[in-house]
Amino acid sequence: MSDPRSNNMGYTNAPLVLDLCCGRGGWAEGFARSGYRVVGFDILDYSRDYPGEFVLSDIREVNWSEWANPAVVTASPPCNEFSALTQLARARWGGPPLDPAGKGLALVRECKRVIDSVRPRYWILENVRRAVPYISTVLGPPRFVHSAWAFWGEFPGFLRPKSNRLYKLPLYGTPRYYTGSDGRPRVDRRNRSAHGSRGSSKRAMIPLDFSLPLAEACKGGIA
């Protein structure tokens, strides 16, 4: 795989986004559509699905001095140690107890170290609502909590009021709609695309209805 530092895919003047613990690229999808150059970093290989440039690496092993001053840093450290689904699965199938204060916070601290090192204009870190008591010991209280997600960082407002349709988002992907018997639109919660061998990573993806508005909102503060 070529080094993204020497291959900007034509985005010579595009603002740079560093996407930490990027997974399949929920944040990246919105920023890429908005014209940013997005580079994702993950220890698992999501290069086939990722909508930007992908670096297969543990973020603890990257030389971040070579990625200084990006426009935005997004971070999605794994939620496994905070997740109720993980707790239920381990209770049923066996496995170690959850360790949210230890293992769960390790990559949160590492993401914050990277953010402090590269000094972006904006940054955002997201995780599940259940992680709030733990991550808040490292980052302080979240900027806001919305549905199943909590968000920390320095970023412009980008979501519509809770009274609008975003509060109806399902827990994965961009919502699909169908017409109910009364002729009104309904959110399709029967989307089964998040299940199966790749299910957990797809359920964890930030919806486009989050990432695209954030990408557009950040443009106003980027010189």
Protein backbone atom coordinates (compact mmCIF):
# COMPACT_ATOMS: atom_id res chain seq x y z
CA MET A 1 0.00 0.00 0.00
CA SER A 2 1.35 3.42 -0.93
CA ASP A 3 2.04 6.00 1.74
CA PRO A 4 -0.84 8.54 1.89
CA ARG A 5 1.65 11.27 2.73
CA SER A 6 2.99 11.04 -0.82
CA ASN A 7 -0.37 10.34 -2.48
CA ASN A 8 -3.04 12.92 -1.83
CA MET A 9 -5.38 11.48 -4.47
CA GLY A 10 -5.72 14.88 -6.17
CA TYR A 11 -6.84 16.76 -3.06
CA THR A 12 -3.87 19.15 -3.11
CA ASN A 13 -5.71 22.04 -1.46
CA ALA A 14 -8.31 20.04 0.43
CA PRO A 15 -8.43 20.37 4.21
CA LEU A 16 -7.03 17.30 5.92
CA VAL A 17 -9.01 15.07 8.28
CA LEU A 18 -7.28 12.43 10.40
CA ASP A 19 -9.74 9.67 11.32
CA LEU A 20 -8.49 7.71 14.35
CA CYS A 21 -9.79 4.19 15.05
CA CYS A 22 -11.67 4.76 11.83
CA GLY A 23 -13.36 1.41 11.26
CA ARG A 24 -15.36 1.38 8.03
CA GLY A 25 -15.46 5.15 7.86
CA GLY A 26 -18.66 6.61 9.25
CA TRP A 27 -16.99 9.97 9.87
CA ALA A 28 -14.98 9.71 6.66
CA GLU A 29 -18.03 9.31 4.44
CA GLY A 30 -19.41 12.73 5.30
CA PHE A 31 -16.08 14.54 5.13
CA ALA A 32 -15.11 12.91 1.85
CA ARG A 33 -18.42 13.94 0.29
CA SER A 34 -17.76 17.49 1.45
CA GLY A 35 -14.42 17.65 -0.37
CA TYR A 36 -11.98 17.00 2.47
CA ARG A 37 -8.96 14.77 2.17
CA VAL A 38 -9.58 12.02 4.74
CA VAL A 39 -6.93 9.63 6.05
CA GLY A 40 -8.09 6.83 8.32
CA PHE A 41 -6.01 4.83 10.78
CA ASP A 42 -6.99 1.47 12.22
CA ILE A 43 -5.35 -1.69 13.47
CA LEU A 44 -7.85 -3.78 11.48
CA ASP A 45 -7.86 -3.73 7.69
CA TYR A 46 -10.93 -1.85 6.45
CA SER A 47 -9.24 -0.64 3.29
CA ARG A 48 -11.80 -2.31 0.98
CA ASP A 49 -14.68 -0.36 2.51
CA TYR A 50 -13.05 2.83 3.69
CA PRO A 51 -14.14 5.93 1.68
CA GLY A 52 -10.78 7.73 1.98
CA GLU A 53 -7.09 6.94 2.24
CA PHE A 54 -6.41 4.14 4.70
CA VAL A 55 -3.38 3.42 6.91
CA LEU A 56 -3.23 -0.01 8.51
CA SER A 57 -1.51 0.79 11.79
CA ASP A 58 -1.91 0.94 15.52
CA ILE A 59 -2.27 4.66 16.28
CA ARG A 60 0.25 4.22 19.09
CA GLU A 61 2.92 3.42 16.48
CA VAL A 62 2.38 6.31 14.03
CA ASN A 63 4.87 9.17 13.82
CA TRP A 64 2.36 11.96 14.32
CA SER A 65 4.91 14.71 13.81
CA GLU A 66 4.45 14.00 10.08
CA TRP A 67 0.71 14.71 10.29
CA ALA A 68 0.72 18.02 12.15
CA ASN A 69 -1.97 20.71 11.94
CA PRO A 70 -4.86 18.91 10.22
CA ALA A 71 -8.16 20.71 9.87
CA VAL A 72 -10.07 18.08 11.82
CA VAL A 73 -9.41 14.97 13.86
CA THR A 74 -12.23 12.48 14.35
CA ALA A 75 -11.88 9.59 16.78
CA SER A 76 -14.00 6.52 17.46
CA PRO A 77 -12.14 4.40 20.03
CA PRO A 78 -13.71 0.96 20.43
CA CYS A 79 -16.79 0.82 22.64
CA ASN A 80 -16.56 -2.90 23.46
CA GLU A 81 -15.59 -2.42 27.11
CA PHE A 82 -18.49 0.00 27.63
CA SER A 83 -21.16 -1.79 25.61
CA ALA A 84 -24.21 -3.52 27.05
CA LEU A 85 -24.19 -5.85 24.04
CA THR A 86 -20.65 -6.96 24.84
CA GLN A 87 -21.64 -7.53 28.47
CA LEU A 88 -24.59 -9.69 27.43
CA ALA A 89 -22.51 -11.65 24.91
CA ARG A 90 -19.78 -12.40 27.43
CA ALA A 91 -22.33 -13.44 30.03
CA ARG A 92 -23.85 -15.87 27.56
CA TRP A 93 -20.82 -17.17 25.70
CA GLY A 94 -18.06 -16.60 28.22
CA GLY A 95 -15.21 -14.17 28.35
CA PRO A 96 -13.52 -11.75 30.71
CA PRO A 97 -15.62 -9.15 32.53
CA LEU A 98 -15.82 -5.66 31.08
CA ASP A 99 -12.94 -3.37 32.00
CA PRO A 100 -14.22 0.12 31.11
CA ALA A 101 -11.91 2.04 33.44
CA GLY A 102 -8.81 0.18 32.26
CA LYS A 103 -8.84 -1.37 28.81
CA GLY A 104 -11.80 0.74 27.78
CA LEU A 105 -10.02 4.04 28.41
CA ALA A 106 -6.62 3.06 27.01
CA LEU A 107 -7.37 4.11 23.43
CA VAL A 108 -9.39 7.10 24.57
CA ARG A 109 -6.25 8.42 26.26
CA GLU A 110 -4.19 7.58 23.18
CA CYS A 111 -6.60 9.40 20.88
CA LYS A 112 -6.39 12.48 23.10
CA ARG A 113 -2.59 12.26 23.08
CA VAL A 114 -2.63 12.26 19.27
CA ILE A 115 -5.05 15.19 19.19
CA ASP A 116 -2.83 17.22 21.52
CA SER A 117 0.19 16.31 19.39
CA VAL A 118 -1.16 17.26 15.94
CA ARG A 119 -3.19 20.29 17.11
CA PRO A 120 -6.18 20.30 14.75
CA ARG A 121 -8.56 23.22 14.28
CA TYR A 122 -11.45 20.97 15.35
CA TRP A 123 -11.66 17.57 16.96
CA ILE A 124 -14.46 15.20 17.96
CA LEU A 125 -14.42 11.90 19.82
CA GLU A 126 -17.52 9.75 20.03
CA ASN A 127 -18.56 6.71 21.98
CA VAL A 128 -21.64 5.05 23.41
CA ARG A 129 -23.78 6.72 26.05
CA ARG A 130 -22.76 4.11 28.64
CA ALA A 131 -19.15 5.31 28.32
CA VAL A 132 -19.91 8.80 29.63
CA PRO A 133 -19.03 8.19 33.32
CA TYR A 134 -15.67 6.74 32.32
CA ILE A 135 -14.55 8.91 29.40
CA SER A 136 -15.57 12.01 31.34
CA THR A 137 -12.77 11.25 33.82
CA VAL A 138 -10.32 11.79 30.95
CA LEU A 139 -11.98 14.41 28.73
CA GLY A 140 -14.46 16.06 31.04
CA PRO A 141 -18.21 16.00 30.36
CA PRO A 142 -19.34 15.42 26.77
CA ARG A 143 -20.36 18.38 24.64
CA PHE A 144 -23.68 16.64 24.19
CA VAL A 145 -25.35 13.24 24.28
CA HIS A 146 -27.67 12.31 21.43
CA SER A 147 -29.59 9.04 21.17
CA ALA A 148 -27.05 6.23 21.73
CA TRP A 149 -24.00 8.46 21.20
CA ALA A 150 -21.95 10.84 23.32
CA PHE A 151 -19.60 13.43 21.79
CA TRP A 152 -16.55 15.17 23.24
CA GLY A 153 -14.30 17.76 21.63
CA GLU A 154 -14.02 21.18 20.09
CA PHE A 155 -16.32 21.49 17.11
CA PRO A 156 -19.13 23.70 15.75
CA GLY A 157 -22.77 22.82 16.29
CA PHE A 158 -24.02 20.54 13.55
CA LEU A 159 -27.16 18.63 14.59
CA ARG A 160 -30.73 19.73 14.22
CA PRO A 161 -32.82 20.19 17.37
CA LYS A 162 -33.98 16.99 19.05
CA SER A 163 -37.55 17.77 18.03
CA ASN A 164 -36.56 17.18 14.41
CA ARG A 165 -36.11 13.87 12.64
CA LEU A 166 -32.58 13.04 13.80
CA TYR A 167 -33.84 11.81 17.16
CA LYS A 168 -35.45 8.91 15.30
CA LEU A 169 -32.15 7.59 13.92
CA PRO A 170 -31.61 3.85 14.36
CA LEU A 171 -28.47 2.65 16.08
CA TYR A 172 -26.55 2.01 12.87
CA GLY A 173 -26.22 3.38 9.38
CA THR A 174 -28.24 6.09 7.69
CA PRO A 175 -31.98 5.59 8.29
CA ARG A 176 -34.20 4.14 5.61
CA TYR A 177 -37.76 5.32 5.29
CA TYR A 178 -41.00 3.71 4.18
CA THR A 179 -44.61 4.92 4.00
CA GLY A 180 -46.84 3.78 6.82
CA SER A 181 -50.47 2.77 6.51
CA ASP A 182 -51.48 6.35 7.33
CA GLY A 183 -49.38 7.69 4.45
CA ARG A 184 -46.75 9.27 6.72
CA PRO A 185 -43.00 8.46 6.48
CA ARG A 186 -41.61 6.00 9.00
CA VAL A 187 -38.05 5.04 9.95
CA ASP A 188 -37.34 1.48 8.86
CA ARG A 189 -35.85 -0.21 11.91
CA ARG A 190 -35.89 -3.58 10.21
CA ASN A 191 -32.62 -2.97 8.34
CA ARG A 192 -30.71 -6.21 8.81
CA SER A 193 -27.59 -5.14 6.92
CA ALA A 194 -25.80 -4.55 10.21
CA HIS A 195 -26.00 -8.20 11.22
CA GLY A 196 -23.69 -11.03 10.26
CA SER A 197 -19.93 -11.40 10.25
CA ARG A 198 -19.35 -7.66 9.74
CA GLY A 199 -22.25 -6.62 11.93
CA SER A 200 -20.58 -5.06 14.94
CA SER A 201 -18.42 -2.69 12.89
CA LYS A 202 -21.42 -1.60 10.79
CA ARG A 203 -23.60 -1.03 13.85
CA ALA A 204 -20.83 1.13 15.32
CA MET A 205 -20.58 3.39 12.27
CA ILE A 206 -21.48 7.03 12.68
CA PRO A 207 -24.46 7.77 10.39
CA LEU A 208 -24.04 10.03 7.39
CA ASP A 209 -26.69 12.25 8.96
CA PHE A 210 -24.08 13.06 11.63
CA SER A 211 -20.85 13.16 9.62
CA LEU A 212 -22.02 15.23 6.67
CA PRO A 213 -23.47 18.12 8.72
CA LEU A 214 -20.32 18.20 10.86
CA ALA A 215 -18.12 18.34 7.77
CA GLU A 216 -20.13 21.25 6.39
CA ALA A 217 -20.15 23.07 9.74
CA CYS A 218 -16.37 22.80 10.09
CA LYS A 219 -15.78 24.56 6.76
CA GLY A 220 -16.74 27.89 8.27
CA GLY A 221 -13.87 27.81 10.75
CA ILE A 222 -11.12 26.53 8.46
CA ALA A 223 -8.98 29.22 6.86
